[in-house]
Amino acid sequence: ALPAQDYDVLRADSGNETIALLKRETAGTAGPDRRDRIELAGIGFHWPNASLVHRLDNTLGYNPLRLGIYSKATGAGDHVALPDQRTFSPLMPGYRSLLSDMLGLRFIATGVPVEQIDKALKPGDLTLIARTPDAYVYENPRALPRVLLVTKAETADFDAILATGQWPSGFDPRRTVLLDRALPPLPRDPLATGRPAGTAAPADANPPGEGPAGSVRIADYGTTEVTLRVEAPQGGYVVLNDVWHPWWQVEIDGAPAEILRANVLFRTVAVPPGRSAVKFVFRPFRGLFQDVGKRLRAGKAAAALDAKPRP
């Protein structure tokens, strides 16, 4: 058996220098809209589990149960104990990539100099902030907030983006959200805008895509619920840079709303002008029942079509 001290990093009260540094740095960069992620790569077999113990949001893990879309987008594999086990993808060809920024990947700890893992890095892409007994720790200063409020939306072919790694020309996730379907109209709920029912917006109200976007902040962040406070003078789209799954649902001021897949990998919802509370909720049983119902209805429709007499 290996000595217990070899696994001290997995103790909640561990004094490990690397973990203490990451806790301190992520606490220091946290903000109303920020919840920065970390990555532990090539440090050791058990290290990816440490993020669960210490409540650090990690882009990878040890043999995690992953969604296929996440693996395809990020190149995540079963293990990342050794430096050569950190593989990348067309959409995330390295740490200096738009997807890394959108994930909010702020701090990267590696067992070897990071250039040995990501050979595409250039000087200045990442900043070395510490060398601990276990790791080299780097900062990605371009990491984006966990939540964004944007006023522009465009449709895009997500499969093509995943396959080629090419985002639409000029795409800036701080201003625009990409959707894989026709653009939904922005809601104009009088309860959210503060205007009486049946009252039109003022003539000088900003149309979508123009004027100030407003703000969004994290009010509560849990495993299965995320609550946001939104101030959107002209309405817009709240983008939550957490992984998309159809069993997540969303409410605006307590009323069900339509959750949309955003920017290939993330979640968004259209919000009305004014102040609103947005809550993302993971409801697996309801989602499963809805999926089963859709499949049954599709099967019945196909059977009915086959049963029609043919000329």
C-alpha atoms as a PDB file:
ATOM      1  CA  ALA A   1       0.000   0.000   0.000  1.00  0.00           C
ATOM      2  CA  LEU A   2       1.101   3.536  -0.706  1.00  0.00           C
ATOM      3  CA  PRO A   3       1.549   5.918   2.219  1.00  0.00           C
ATOM      4  CA  ALA A   4      -1.536   7.960   3.103  1.00  0.00           C
ATOM      5  CA  GLN A   5       0.346  11.231   2.800  1.00  0.00           C
ATOM      6  CA  ASP A   6       0.629  10.625  -0.938  1.00  0.00           C
ATOM      7  CA  TYR A   7      -3.112  11.316  -1.118  1.00  0.00           C
ATOM      8  CA  ASP A   8      -3.237  14.237   1.284  1.00  0.00           C
ATOM      9  CA  VAL A   9      -4.558  16.442  -1.527  1.00  0.00           C
ATOM     10  CA  LEU A  10      -7.837  14.484  -1.347  1.00  0.00           C
ATOM     11  CA  ARG A  11      -8.456  15.494   2.265  1.00  0.00           C
ATOM     12  CA  ALA A  12     -10.859  18.372   2.846  1.00  0.00           C
ATOM     13  CA  ASP A  13      -8.399  19.838   5.363  1.00  0.00           C
ATOM     14  CA  SER A  14      -5.367  19.372   3.124  1.00  0.00           C
ATOM     15  CA  GLY A  15      -2.679  22.009   3.384  1.00  0.00           C
ATOM     16  CA  ASN A  16      -1.439  21.306  -0.150  1.00  0.00           C
ATOM     17  CA  GLU A  17       0.178  24.411  -1.587  1.00  0.00           C
ATOM     18  CA  THR A  18      -1.272  24.031  -5.094  1.00  0.00           C
ATOM     19  CA  ILE A  19      -4.833  23.570  -3.838  1.00  0.00           C
ATOM     20  CA  ALA A  20      -4.490  26.463  -1.394  1.00  0.00           C
ATOM     21  CA  LEU A  21      -3.252  28.676  -4.221  1.00  0.00           C
ATOM     22  CA  LEU A  22      -6.128  27.726  -6.536  1.00  0.00           C
ATOM     23  CA  LYS A  23      -8.683  28.327  -3.791  1.00  0.00           C
ATOM     24  CA  ARG A  24      -7.176  31.712  -3.070  1.00  0.00           C
ATOM     25  CA  GLU A  25      -6.968  32.750  -6.716  1.00  0.00           C
ATOM     26  CA  THR A  26     -10.511  31.662  -7.636  1.00  0.00           C
ATOM     27  CA  ALA A  27     -11.867  33.441  -4.569  1.00  0.00           C
ATOM     28  CA  GLY A  28      -9.972  36.553  -5.596  1.00  0.00           C
ATOM     29  CA  THR A  29     -11.358  36.609  -9.136  1.00  0.00           C
ATOM     30  CA  ALA A  30     -14.937  35.713  -8.152  1.00  0.00           C
ATOM     31  CA  GLY A  31     -17.496  38.395  -8.899  1.00  0.00           C
ATOM     32  CA  PRO A  32     -21.219  38.944  -9.410  1.00  0.00           C
ATOM     33  CA  ASP A  33     -20.994  37.359 -12.860  1.00  0.00           C
ATOM     34  CA  ARG A  34     -17.826  35.267 -12.446  1.00  0.00           C
ATOM     35  CA  ARG A  35     -17.195  31.722 -11.235  1.00  0.00           C
ATOM     36  CA  ASP A  36     -13.842  30.867 -12.783  1.00  0.00           C
ATOM     37  CA  ARG A  37     -12.874  27.317 -13.712  1.00  0.00           C
ATOM     38  CA  ILE A  38      -9.578  25.530 -13.203  1.00  0.00           C
ATOM     39  CA  GLU A  39      -7.833  22.598 -14.848  1.00  0.00           C
ATOM     40  CA  LEU A  40      -5.496  20.026 -13.256  1.00  0.00           C
ATOM     41  CA  ALA A  41      -3.496  18.221 -15.937  1.00  0.00           C
ATOM     42  CA  GLY A  42      -0.580  15.817 -15.809  1.00  0.00           C
ATOM     43  CA  ILE A  43       0.048  16.151 -12.058  1.00  0.00           C
ATOM     44  CA  GLY A  44      -0.881  12.648 -10.939  1.00  0.00           C
ATOM     45  CA  PHE A  45      -3.428   9.869 -11.170  1.00  0.00           C
ATOM     46  CA  HIS A  46      -5.611  10.962  -8.252  1.00  0.00           C
ATOM     47  CA  TRP A  47      -5.301  14.721  -8.713  1.00  0.00           C
ATOM     48  CA  PRO A  48      -8.360  15.283 -10.942  1.00  0.00           C
ATOM     49  CA  ASN A  49     -10.553  14.120  -8.030  1.00  0.00           C
ATOM     50  CA  ALA A  50      -9.196  16.852  -5.765  1.00  0.00           C
ATOM     51  CA  SER A  51     -11.383  19.501  -7.374  1.00  0.00           C
ATOM     52  CA  LEU A  52     -14.520  17.729  -6.110  1.00  0.00           C
ATOM     53  CA  VAL A  53     -13.197  17.635  -2.557  1.00  0.00           C
ATOM     54  CA  HIS A  54     -12.206  21.293  -2.577  1.00  0.00           C
ATOM     55  CA  ARG A  55     -15.183  22.615  -4.589  1.00  0.00           C
ATOM     56  CA  LEU A  56     -13.127  23.878  -7.491  1.00  0.00           C
ATOM     57  CA  ASP A  57     -14.913  23.967 -10.853  1.00  0.00           C
ATOM     58  CA  ASN A  58     -12.700  21.772 -13.056  1.00  0.00           C
ATOM     59  CA  THR A  59     -12.927  21.374 -16.833  1.00  0.00           C
ATOM     60  CA  LEU A  60     -11.684  17.760 -16.521  1.00  0.00           C
ATOM     61  CA  GLY A  61     -11.886  14.845 -14.090  1.00  0.00           C
ATOM     62  CA  TYR A  62     -10.814  11.268 -13.514  1.00  0.00           C
ATOM     63  CA  ASN A  63     -12.878   8.907 -15.677  1.00  0.00           C
ATOM     64  CA  PRO A  64     -15.899  11.194 -15.379  1.00  0.00           C
ATOM     65  CA  LEU A  65     -19.342  10.496 -16.775  1.00  0.00           C
ATOM     66  CA  ARG A  66     -19.233  12.994 -19.616  1.00  0.00           C
ATOM     67  CA  LEU A  67     -21.699  14.162 -22.209  1.00  0.00           C
ATOM     68  CA  GLY A  68     -20.575  13.245 -25.717  1.00  0.00           C
ATOM     69  CA  ILE A  69     -20.917  16.826 -26.889  1.00  0.00           C
ATOM     70  CA  TYR A  70     -18.536  17.991 -24.146  1.00  0.00           C
ATOM     71  CA  SER A  71     -15.888  15.412 -25.048  1.00  0.00           C
ATOM     72  CA  LYS A  72     -16.176  16.299 -28.713  1.00  0.00           C
ATOM     73  CA  ALA A  73     -15.940  20.022 -28.034  1.00  0.00           C
ATOM     74  CA  THR A  74     -13.058  19.952 -25.542  1.00  0.00           C
ATOM     75  CA  GLY A  75     -11.143  16.764 -26.341  1.00  0.00           C
ATOM     76  CA  ALA A  76     -11.636  15.528 -22.758  1.00  0.00           C
ATOM     77  CA  GLY A  77     -10.632  11.892 -22.222  1.00  0.00           C
ATOM     78  CA  ASP A  78     -10.948   9.353 -19.419  1.00  0.00           C
ATOM     79  CA  HIS A  79      -7.668  10.223 -17.718  1.00  0.00           C
ATOM     80  CA  VAL A  80      -5.369  13.200 -17.430  1.00  0.00           C
ATOM     81  CA  ALA A  81      -2.789  11.813 -15.006  1.00  0.00           C
ATOM     82  CA  LEU A  82       0.075  12.146 -17.490  1.00  0.00           C
ATOM     83  CA  PRO A  83       0.903  15.197 -19.615  1.00  0.00           C
ATOM     84  CA  ASP A  84       0.269  13.375 -22.908  1.00  0.00           C
ATOM     85  CA  GLN A  85      -3.227  12.379 -21.756  1.00  0.00           C
ATOM     86  CA  ARG A  86      -4.443  15.970 -22.146  1.00  0.00           C
ATOM     87  CA  THR A  87      -5.746  15.913 -25.697  1.00  0.00           C
ATOM     88  CA  PHE A  88      -7.490  18.747 -27.502  1.00  0.00           C
ATOM     89  CA  SER A  89     -10.037  19.085 -30.329  1.00  0.00           C
ATOM     90  CA  PRO A  90     -10.754  21.185 -33.437  1.00  0.00           C
ATOM     91  CA  LEU A  91     -12.930  23.535 -31.372  1.00  0.00           C
ATOM     92  CA  MET A  92     -10.462  23.643 -28.481  1.00  0.00           C
ATOM     93  CA  PRO A  93      -7.071  23.213 -30.162  1.00  0.00           C
ATOM     94  CA  GLY A  94      -5.326  24.402 -27.022  1.00  0.00           C
ATOM     95  CA  TYR A  95      -5.558  26.658 -24.016  1.00  0.00           C
ATOM     96  CA  ARG A  96      -5.326  29.744 -26.242  1.00  0.00           C
ATOM     97  CA  SER A  97      -8.754  29.298 -27.802  1.00  0.00           C
ATOM     98  CA  LEU A  98     -12.137  30.972 -27.721  1.00  0.00           C
ATOM     99  CA  LEU A  99     -13.756  27.887 -26.190  1.00  0.00           C
ATOM    100  CA  SER A 100     -11.265  27.952 -23.297  1.00  0.00           C
ATOM    101  CA  ASP A 101     -12.249  31.564 -22.693  1.00  0.00           C
ATOM    102  CA  MET A 102     -15.976  30.800 -22.911  1.00  0.00           C
ATOM    103  CA  LEU A 103     -15.568  27.967 -20.399  1.00  0.00           C
ATOM    104  CA  GLY A 104     -14.116  30.527 -18.020  1.00  0.00           C
ATOM    105  CA  LEU A 105     -10.927  28.465 -17.749  1.00  0.00           C
ATOM    106  CA  ARG A 106      -8.884  30.931 -15.695  1.00  0.00           C
ATOM    107  CA  PHE A 107      -6.268  28.841 -13.854  1.00  0.00           C
ATOM    108  CA  ILE A 108      -4.358  25.847 -15.217  1.00  0.00           C
ATOM    109  CA  ALA A 109      -2.102  23.664 -13.048  1.00  0.00           C
ATOM    110  CA  THR A 110       0.192  21.246 -14.882  1.00  0.00           C
ATOM    111  CA  GLY A 111       2.822  18.767 -13.746  1.00  0.00           C
ATOM    112  CA  VAL A 112       5.256  19.933 -16.431  1.00  0.00           C
ATOM    113  CA  PRO A 113       5.708  23.282 -18.173  1.00  0.00           C
ATOM    114  CA  VAL A 114       2.458  23.867 -20.030  1.00  0.00           C
ATOM    115  CA  GLU A 115       4.242  24.174 -23.385  1.00  0.00           C
ATOM    116  CA  GLN A 116       4.958  20.433 -23.167  1.00  0.00           C
ATOM    117  CA  ILE A 117       1.201  19.770 -23.069  1.00  0.00           C
ATOM    118  CA  ASP A 118      -0.030  22.473 -25.447  1.00  0.00           C
ATOM    119  CA  LYS A 119       2.680  22.862 -28.053  1.00  0.00           C
ATOM    120  CA  ALA A 120       0.710  25.552 -29.908  1.00  0.00           C
ATOM    121  CA  LEU A 121       1.101  28.073 -27.087  1.00  0.00           C
ATOM    122  CA  LYS A 122       3.039  31.228 -27.804  1.00  0.00           C
ATOM    123  CA  PRO A 123       4.846  33.466 -25.301  1.00  0.00           C
ATOM    124  CA  GLY A 124       2.303  35.583 -23.446  1.00  0.00           C
ATOM    125  CA  ASP A 125      -0.698  33.329 -24.127  1.00  0.00           C
ATOM    126  CA  LEU A 126      -0.725  32.242 -20.471  1.00  0.00           C
ATOM    127  CA  THR A 127       0.879  33.864 -17.433  1.00  0.00           C
ATOM    128  CA  LEU A 128       2.906  31.729 -15.026  1.00  0.00           C
ATOM    129  CA  ILE A 129       1.770  32.853 -11.566  1.00  0.00           C
ATOM    130  CA  ALA A 130       3.372  30.203  -9.347  1.00  0.00           C
ATOM    131  CA  ARG A 131       5.624  27.162  -9.178  1.00  0.00           C
ATOM    132  CA  THR A 132       4.563  24.862  -6.347  1.00  0.00           C
ATOM    133  CA  PRO A 133       6.135  21.543  -5.309  1.00  0.00           C
ATOM    134  CA  ASP A 134       3.476  19.760  -7.413  1.00  0.00           C
ATOM    135  CA  ALA A 135       2.726  21.997 -10.349  1.00  0.00           C
ATOM    136  CA  TYR A 136       3.239  24.960 -12.606  1.00  0.00           C
ATOM    137  CA  VAL A 137       0.218  27.237 -12.211  1.00  0.00           C
ATOM    138  CA  TYR A 138      -0.845  29.544 -15.045  1.00  0.00           C
ATOM    139  CA  GLU A 139      -3.524  32.181 -15.527  1.00  0.00           C
ATOM    140  CA  ASN A 140      -5.592  32.771 -18.651  1.00  0.00           C
ATOM    141  CA  PRO A 141      -6.469  36.479 -18.420  1.00  0.00           C
ATOM    142  CA  ARG A 142      -9.025  36.194 -21.248  1.00  0.00           C
ATOM    143  CA  ALA A 143     -11.397  33.869 -19.349  1.00  0.00           C
ATOM    144  CA  LEU A 144     -14.981  35.085 -19.691  1.00  0.00           C
ATOM    145  CA  PRO A 145     -17.599  35.375 -16.926  1.00  0.00           C
ATOM    146  CA  ARG A 146     -19.907  32.453 -16.154  1.00  0.00           C
ATOM    147  CA  VAL A 147     -22.955  34.534 -17.123  1.00  0.00           C
ATOM    148  CA  LEU A 148     -23.376  37.094 -19.890  1.00  0.00           C
ATOM    149  CA  LEU A 149     -26.190  39.329 -21.109  1.00  0.00           C
ATOM    150  CA  VAL A 150     -26.126  39.981 -24.848  1.00  0.00           C
ATOM    151  CA  THR A 151     -28.553  41.721 -27.177  1.00  0.00           C
ATOM    152  CA  LYS A 152     -27.736  40.093 -30.503  1.00  0.00           C
ATOM    153  CA  ALA A 153     -28.427  36.567 -31.735  1.00  0.00           C
ATOM    154  CA  GLU A 154     -27.486  34.698 -34.902  1.00  0.00           C
ATOM    155  CA  THR A 155     -28.178  31.208 -36.197  1.00  0.00           C
ATOM    156  CA  ALA A 156     -25.258  28.857 -36.799  1.00  0.00           C
ATOM    157  CA  ASP A 157     -24.516  25.263 -37.789  1.00  0.00           C
ATOM    158  CA  PHE A 158     -23.214  23.763 -34.543  1.00  0.00           C
ATOM    159  CA  ASP A 159     -22.204  20.459 -36.142  1.00  0.00           C
ATOM    160  CA  ALA A 160     -20.041  22.305 -38.649  1.00  0.00           C
ATOM    161  CA  ILE A 161     -18.454  24.412 -35.907  1.00  0.00           C
ATOM    162  CA  LEU A 162     -17.637  21.272 -33.893  1.00  0.00           C
ATOM    163  CA  ALA A 163     -16.162  19.507 -36.904  1.00  0.00           C
ATOM    164  CA  THR A 164     -14.068  22.371 -38.234  1.00  0.00           C
ATOM    165  CA  GLY A 165     -13.338  24.343 -35.093  1.00  0.00           C
ATOM    166  CA  GLN A 166     -14.251  27.512 -36.990  1.00  0.00           C
ATOM    167  CA  TRP A 167     -16.543  30.075 -35.371  1.00  0.00           C
ATOM    168  CA  PRO A 168     -18.502  32.477 -37.603  1.00  0.00           C
ATOM    169  CA  SER A 169     -16.409  35.413 -38.754  1.00  0.00           C
ATOM    170  CA  GLY A 170     -16.447  38.253 -36.244  1.00  0.00           C
ATOM    171  CA  PHE A 171     -18.247  36.256 -33.538  1.00  0.00           C
ATOM    172  CA  ASP A 172     -17.836  37.816 -30.083  1.00  0.00           C
ATOM    173  CA  PRO A 173     -19.632  35.925 -27.269  1.00  0.00           C
ATOM    174  CA  ARG A 174     -19.678  39.089 -25.150  1.00  0.00           C
ATOM    175  CA  ARG A 175     -22.076  40.683 -27.643  1.00  0.00           C
ATOM    176  CA  THR A 176     -23.761  37.902 -29.612  1.00  0.00           C
ATOM    177  CA  VAL A 177     -25.210  34.478 -28.900  1.00  0.00           C
ATOM    178  CA  LEU A 178     -25.263  31.734 -31.537  1.00  0.00           C
ATOM    179  CA  LEU A 179     -28.358  29.527 -31.748  1.00  0.00           C
ATOM    180  CA  ASP A 180     -28.938  26.327 -33.718  1.00  0.00           C
ATOM    181  CA  ARG A 181     -32.507  27.218 -34.648  1.00  0.00           C
ATOM    182  CA  ALA A 182     -34.619  30.117 -35.861  1.00  0.00           C
ATOM    183  CA  LEU A 183     -34.292  33.152 -33.640  1.00  0.00           C
ATOM    184  CA  PRO A 184     -37.105  33.388 -31.064  1.00  0.00           C
ATOM    185  CA  PRO A 185     -38.744  36.775 -30.564  1.00  0.00           C
ATOM    186  CA  LEU A 186     -37.655  38.549 -27.404  1.00  0.00           C
ATOM    187  CA  PRO A 187     -40.436  38.384 -24.780  1.00  0.00           C
ATOM    188  CA  ARG A 188     -42.303  41.592 -24.005  1.00  0.00           C
ATOM    189  CA  ASP A 189     -43.888  40.625 -20.705  1.00  0.00           C
ATOM    190  CA  PRO A 190     -45.486  43.679 -19.036  1.00  0.00           C
ATOM    191  CA  LEU A 191     -44.905  42.097 -15.608  1.00  0.00           C
ATOM    192  CA  ALA A 192     -41.186  42.092 -16.308  1.00  0.00           C
ATOM    193  CA  THR A 193     -41.089  45.533 -17.930  1.00  0.00           C
ATOM    194  CA  GLY A 194     -43.176  47.268 -15.274  1.00  0.00           C
ATOM    195  CA  ARG A 195     -45.626  48.609 -17.900  1.00  0.00           C
ATOM    196  CA  PRO A 196     -49.359  48.009 -17.648  1.00  0.00           C
ATOM    197  CA  ALA A 197     -50.719  45.204 -19.793  1.00  0.00           C
ATOM    198  CA  GLY A 198     -51.484  46.352 -23.322  1.00  0.00           C
ATOM    199  CA  THR A 199     -49.117  49.332 -23.071  1.00  0.00           C
ATOM    200  CA  ALA A 200     -46.541  49.618 -25.819  1.00  0.00           C
ATOM    201  CA  ALA A 201     -42.879  50.199 -25.166  1.00  0.00           C
ATOM    202  CA  PRO A 202     -41.809  53.874 -25.289  1.00  0.00           C
ATOM    203  CA  ALA A 203     -40.995  55.177 -28.757  1.00  0.00           C
ATOM    204  CA  ASP A 204     -37.355  55.737 -27.791  1.00  0.00           C
ATOM    205  CA  ALA A 205     -36.891  52.257 -26.324  1.00  0.00           C
ATOM    206  CA  ASN A 206     -33.751  50.559 -27.594  1.00  0.00           C
ATOM    207  CA  PRO A 207     -34.474  47.874 -30.215  1.00  0.00           C
ATOM    208  CA  PRO A 208     -32.650  44.562 -29.697  1.00  0.00           C
ATOM    209  CA  GLY A 209     -29.006  44.798 -30.630  1.00  0.00           C
ATOM    210  CA  GLU A 210     -28.638  48.513 -29.884  1.00  0.00           C
ATOM    211  CA  GLY A 211     -28.001  50.529 -26.746  1.00  0.00           C
ATOM    212  CA  PRO A 212     -26.837  49.301 -23.336  1.00  0.00           C
ATOM    213  CA  ALA A 213     -27.112  45.572 -22.683  1.00  0.00           C
ATOM    214  CA  GLY A 214     -27.689  45.847 -18.936  1.00  0.00           C
ATOM    215  CA  SER A 215     -26.322  43.429 -16.368  1.00  0.00           C
ATOM    216  CA  VAL A 216     -26.683  39.930 -14.968  1.00  0.00           C
ATOM    217  CA  ARG A 217     -25.391  38.530 -11.693  1.00  0.00           C
ATOM    218  CA  ILE A 218     -25.366  35.169  -9.965  1.00  0.00           C
ATOM    219  CA  ALA A 219     -27.759  35.200  -6.993  1.00  0.00           C
ATOM    220  CA  ASP A 220     -27.417  31.511  -6.126  1.00  0.00           C
ATOM    221  CA  TYR A 221     -25.382  28.719  -7.693  1.00  0.00           C
ATOM    222  CA  GLY A 222     -26.104  25.082  -6.868  1.00  0.00           C
ATOM    223  CA  THR A 223     -25.683  21.677  -8.440  1.00  0.00           C
ATOM    224  CA  THR A 224     -29.204  21.515  -9.836  1.00  0.00           C
ATOM    225  CA  GLU A 225     -30.369  25.140  -9.624  1.00  0.00           C
ATOM    226  CA  VAL A 226     -28.796  28.402 -10.740  1.00  0.00           C
ATOM    227  CA  THR A 227     -30.593  31.680 -10.007  1.00  0.00           C
ATOM    228  CA  LEU A 228     -29.651  34.907 -11.775  1.00  0.00           C
ATOM    229  CA  ARG A 229     -30.765  38.518 -11.339  1.00  0.00           C
ATOM    230  CA  VAL A 230     -31.102  40.359 -14.621  1.00  0.00           C
ATOM    231  CA  GLU A 231     -31.464  44.011 -15.547  1.00  0.00           C
ATOM    232  CA  ALA A 232     -32.016  44.280 -19.283  1.00  0.00           C
ATOM    233  CA  PRO A 233     -33.220  47.741 -20.415  1.00  0.00           C
ATOM    234  CA  GLN A 234     -34.024  46.444 -23.893  1.00  0.00           C
ATOM    235  CA  GLY A 235     -34.343  42.725 -23.252  1.00  0.00           C
ATOM    236  CA  GLY A 236     -31.811  40.279 -24.586  1.00  0.00           C
ATOM    237  CA  TYR A 237     -30.360  36.837 -24.042  1.00  0.00           C
ATOM    238  CA  VAL A 238     -28.908  35.568 -20.781  1.00  0.00           C
ATOM    239  CA  VAL A 239     -26.093  33.133 -21.546  1.00  0.00           C
ATOM    240  CA  LEU A 240     -25.050  30.692 -18.820  1.00  0.00           C
ATOM    241  CA  ASN A 241     -21.676  29.188 -19.684  1.00  0.00           C
ATOM    242  CA  ASP A 242     -22.531  25.796 -18.226  1.00  0.00           C
ATOM    243  CA  VAL A 243     -22.915  22.692 -20.360  1.00  0.00           C
ATOM    244  CA  TRP A 244     -26.132  22.267 -22.327  1.00  0.00           C
ATOM    245  CA  HIS A 245     -28.417  19.308 -21.634  1.00  0.00           C
ATOM    246  CA  PRO A 246     -32.100  19.073 -22.649  1.00  0.00           C
ATOM    247  CA  TRP A 247     -33.164  18.110 -19.124  1.00  0.00           C
ATOM    248  CA  TRP A 248     -32.254  21.533 -17.841  1.00  0.00           C
ATOM    249  CA  GLN A 249     -35.268  23.842 -17.787  1.00  0.00           C
ATOM    250  CA  VAL A 250     -35.610  27.552 -17.137  1.00  0.00           C
ATOM    251  CA  GLU A 251     -38.049  29.933 -15.473  1.00  0.00           C
ATOM    252  CA  ILE A 252     -38.363  33.711 -15.689  1.00  0.00           C
ATOM    253  CA  ASP A 253     -39.996  35.265 -12.625  1.00  0.00           C
ATOM    254  CA  GLY A 254     -41.381  31.824 -11.768  1.00  0.00           C
ATOM    255  CA  ALA A 255     -42.973  31.208 -15.174  1.00  0.00           C
ATOM    256  CA  PRO A 256     -41.666  28.490 -17.528  1.00  0.00           C
ATOM    257  CA  ALA A 257     -39.606  29.781 -20.440  1.00  0.00           C
ATOM    258  CA  GLU A 258     -37.828  28.171 -23.373  1.00  0.00           C
ATOM    259  CA  ILE A 259     -34.244  27.111 -22.775  1.00  0.00           C
ATOM    260  CA  LEU A 260     -32.026  27.249 -25.849  1.00  0.00           C
ATOM    261  CA  ARG A 261     -28.695  25.696 -26.740  1.00  0.00           C
ATOM    262  CA  ALA A 262     -26.143  28.484 -27.089  1.00  0.00           C
ATOM    263  CA  ASN A 263     -22.706  28.781 -28.670  1.00  0.00           C
ATOM    264  CA  VAL A 264     -22.491  25.011 -29.354  1.00  0.00           C
ATOM    265  CA  LEU A 265     -22.030  23.958 -25.727  1.00  0.00           C
ATOM    266  CA  PHE A 266     -23.902  26.283 -23.377  1.00  0.00           C
ATOM    267  CA  ARG A 267     -27.399  27.487 -22.324  1.00  0.00           C
ATOM    268  CA  THR A 268     -29.373  30.633 -22.948  1.00  0.00           C
ATOM    269  CA  VAL A 269     -32.839  32.106 -22.537  1.00  0.00           C
ATOM    270  CA  ALA A 270     -34.446  35.208 -24.036  1.00  0.00           C
ATOM    271  CA  VAL A 271     -35.411  37.723 -21.350  1.00  0.00           C
ATOM    272  CA  PRO A 272     -37.837  40.679 -21.493  1.00  0.00           C
ATOM    273  CA  PRO A 273     -36.935  44.326 -20.949  1.00  0.00           C
ATOM    274  CA  GLY A 274     -36.607  45.336 -17.327  1.00  0.00           C
ATOM    275  CA  ARG A 275     -35.699  43.399 -14.210  1.00  0.00           C
ATOM    276  CA  SER A 276     -36.244  39.676 -13.935  1.00  0.00           C
ATOM    277  CA  ALA A 277     -35.168  36.615 -11.994  1.00  0.00           C
ATOM    278  CA  VAL A 278     -33.966  33.729 -14.157  1.00  0.00           C
ATOM    279  CA  LYS A 279     -33.712  30.248 -12.681  1.00  0.00           C
ATOM    280  CA  PHE A 280     -32.127  27.282 -14.464  1.00  0.00           C
ATOM    281  CA  VAL A 281     -33.300  23.997 -12.921  1.00  0.00           C
ATOM    282  CA  PHE A 282     -32.175  20.446 -13.682  1.00  0.00           C
ATOM    283  CA  ARG A 283     -35.285  18.215 -13.807  1.00  0.00           C
ATOM    284  CA  PRO A 284     -34.132  14.796 -15.042  1.00  0.00           C
ATOM    285  CA  PHE A 285     -37.365  12.898 -14.411  1.00  0.00           C
ATOM    286  CA  ARG A 286     -39.539  15.482 -16.125  1.00  0.00           C
ATOM    287  CA  GLY A 287     -37.043  15.643 -18.971  1.00  0.00           C
ATOM    288  CA  LEU A 288     -36.986  11.858 -19.293  1.00  0.00           C
ATOM    289  CA  PHE A 289     -40.789  11.641 -19.359  1.00  0.00           C
ATOM    290  CA  GLN A 290     -40.930  14.351 -22.013  1.00  0.00           C
ATOM    291  CA  ASP A 291     -38.330  12.518 -24.105  1.00  0.00           C
ATOM    292  CA  VAL A 292     -40.247   9.245 -23.828  1.00  0.00           C
ATOM    293  CA  GLY A 293     -43.477  11.016 -24.763  1.00  0.00           C
ATOM    294  CA  LYS A 294     -41.878  12.545 -27.854  1.00  0.00           C
ATOM    295  CA  ARG A 295     -40.542   9.161 -28.963  1.00  0.00           C
ATOM    296  CA  LEU A 296     -43.920   7.493 -28.446  1.00  0.00           C
ATOM    297  CA  ARG A 297     -45.726  10.196 -30.409  1.00  0.00           C
ATOM    298  CA  ALA A 298     -43.160   9.966 -33.188  1.00  0.00           C
ATOM    299  CA  GLY A 299     -43.556   6.177 -33.264  1.00  0.00           C
ATOM    300  CA  LYS A 300     -47.345   6.425 -33.469  1.00  0.00           C
ATOM    301  CA  ALA A 301     -47.128   8.990 -36.251  1.00  0.00           C
ATOM    302  CA  ALA A 302     -44.759   6.757 -38.219  1.00  0.00           C
ATOM    303  CA  ALA A 303     -47.006   3.723 -37.689  1.00  0.00           C
ATOM    304  CA  ALA A 304     -50.070   5.668 -38.830  1.00  0.00           C
ATOM    305  CA  LEU A 305     -48.224   6.774 -41.947  1.00  0.00           C
ATOM    306  CA  ASP A 306     -47.213   3.201 -42.755  1.00  0.00           C
ATOM    307  CA  ALA A 307     -50.799   2.030 -42.238  1.00  0.00           C
ATOM    308  CA  LYS A 308     -52.203   4.367 -44.895  1.00  0.00           C
ATOM    309  CA  PRO A 309     -53.163   2.590 -48.124  1.00  0.00           C
ATOM    310  CA  ARG A 310     -50.723   3.227 -50.917  1.00  0.00           C
ATOM    311  CA  PRO A 311     -51.897   3.975 -54.475  1.00  0.00           C
END
